[in-house]
Amino acid sequence: MMMQHATALATNMQAEDCLNLEAKVRKAKAEGQTVTITDGCVFFDYQLIARLPPGVQFNT
């Protein structure tokens, strides 16, 4: 039971982080920054901003 609860919490945190990251990407694009997502890494103006966990679909 505890493992299921921990998995549910981790999934919620991951979804929340993706929403925050999506907001950051939209803001960066609006400010004219270069946004690159490759090999599970997110870059703004060629600086590493975040790493995506395996299996996360992140579409912008």
C-alpha atoms as a PDB file:
ATOM      1  CA  MET A   1       0.000   0.000   0.000  1.00  0.00           C
ATOM      2  CA  MET A   2       2.768   2.468   0.855  1.00  0.00           C
ATOM      3  CA  MET A   3       4.531   1.811  -2.451  1.00  0.00           C
ATOM      4  CA  GLN A   4       1.330   2.576  -4.370  1.00  0.00           C
ATOM      5  CA  HIS A   5       0.923   5.800  -2.417  1.00  0.00           C
ATOM      6  CA  ALA A   6       4.536   6.811  -3.111  1.00  0.00           C
ATOM      7  CA  THR A   7       4.078   6.079  -6.820  1.00  0.00           C
ATOM      8  CA  ALA A   8       0.926   8.200  -6.933  1.00  0.00           C
ATOM      9  CA  LEU A   9       2.712  11.094  -5.230  1.00  0.00           C
ATOM     10  CA  ALA A  10       5.688  10.837  -7.583  1.00  0.00           C
ATOM     11  CA  THR A  11       3.371  10.839 -10.605  1.00  0.00           C
ATOM     12  CA  ASN A  12       1.574  13.950  -9.346  1.00  0.00           C
ATOM     13  CA  MET A  13       4.869  15.744  -8.721  1.00  0.00           C
ATOM     14  CA  GLN A  14       6.062  14.826 -12.199  1.00  0.00           C
ATOM     15  CA  ALA A  15       2.872  16.178 -13.804  1.00  0.00           C
ATOM     16  CA  GLU A  16       3.166  19.372 -11.783  1.00  0.00           C
ATOM     17  CA  ASP A  17       6.783  19.806 -12.825  1.00  0.00           C
ATOM     18  CA  CYS A  18       5.817  19.311 -16.475  1.00  0.00           C
ATOM     19  CA  LEU A  19       3.168  22.019 -16.151  1.00  0.00           C
ATOM     20  CA  ASN A  20       5.708  24.403 -14.615  1.00  0.00           C
ATOM     21  CA  LEU A  21       8.250  23.537 -17.290  1.00  0.00           C
ATOM     22  CA  GLU A  22       5.665  24.119 -20.013  1.00  0.00           C
ATOM     23  CA  ALA A  23       4.956  27.575 -18.562  1.00  0.00           C
ATOM     24  CA  LYS A  24       8.687  28.352 -18.539  1.00  0.00           C
ATOM     25  CA  VAL A  25       9.003  27.223 -22.172  1.00  0.00           C
ATOM     26  CA  ARG A  26       6.085  29.422 -23.239  1.00  0.00           C
ATOM     27  CA  LYS A  27       7.584  32.402 -21.397  1.00  0.00           C
ATOM     28  CA  ALA A  28      11.013  31.831 -22.957  1.00  0.00           C
ATOM     29  CA  LYS A  29       9.492  31.609 -26.437  1.00  0.00           C
ATOM     30  CA  ALA A  30       7.514  34.804 -25.837  1.00  0.00           C
ATOM     31  CA  GLU A  31      10.747  36.546 -24.796  1.00  0.00           C
ATOM     32  CA  GLY A  32      12.437  35.417 -28.010  1.00  0.00           C
ATOM     33  CA  GLN A  33      14.823  32.920 -26.436  1.00  0.00           C
ATOM     34  CA  THR A  34      15.985  29.833 -28.317  1.00  0.00           C
ATOM     35  CA  VAL A  35      14.240  26.767 -26.861  1.00  0.00           C
ATOM     36  CA  THR A  36      15.646  23.318 -27.659  1.00  0.00           C
ATOM     37  CA  ILE A  37      14.410  19.954 -26.405  1.00  0.00           C
ATOM     38  CA  THR A  38      16.664  17.049 -27.320  1.00  0.00           C
ATOM     39  CA  ASP A  39      17.612  13.717 -25.745  1.00  0.00           C
ATOM     40  CA  GLY A  40      15.448  14.404 -22.703  1.00  0.00           C
ATOM     41  CA  CYS A  41      17.095  17.770 -21.979  1.00  0.00           C
ATOM     42  CA  VAL A  42      15.551  21.241 -22.195  1.00  0.00           C
ATOM     43  CA  PHE A  43      17.779  24.160 -23.168  1.00  0.00           C
ATOM     44  CA  PHE A  44      17.029  27.902 -23.228  1.00  0.00           C
ATOM     45  CA  ASP A  45      19.584  29.879 -25.240  1.00  0.00           C
ATOM     46  CA  TYR A  46      21.864  26.813 -25.219  1.00  0.00           C
ATOM     47  CA  GLN A  47      21.906  26.565 -21.398  1.00  0.00           C
ATOM     48  CA  LEU A  48      20.578  23.405 -19.739  1.00  0.00           C
ATOM     49  CA  ILE A  49      17.371  24.158 -17.847  1.00  0.00           C
ATOM     50  CA  ALA A  50      15.928  20.713 -17.059  1.00  0.00           C
ATOM     51  CA  ARG A  51      16.214  17.003 -17.688  1.00  0.00           C
ATOM     52  CA  LEU A  52      13.041  15.074 -18.421  1.00  0.00           C
ATOM     53  CA  PRO A  53      12.533  11.727 -16.693  1.00  0.00           C
ATOM     54  CA  PRO A  54      12.402   8.675 -18.977  1.00  0.00           C
ATOM     55  CA  GLY A  55       8.973   8.037 -20.439  1.00  0.00           C
ATOM     56  CA  VAL A  56       7.711  11.617 -20.113  1.00  0.00           C
ATOM     57  CA  GLN A  57       6.034  12.970 -23.244  1.00  0.00           C
ATOM     58  CA  PHE A  58       6.696  16.704 -23.411  1.00  0.00           C
ATOM     59  CA  ASN A  59       5.180  18.476 -26.416  1.00  0.00           C
ATOM     60  CA  THR A  60       5.361  22.222 -26.881  1.00  0.00           C
END
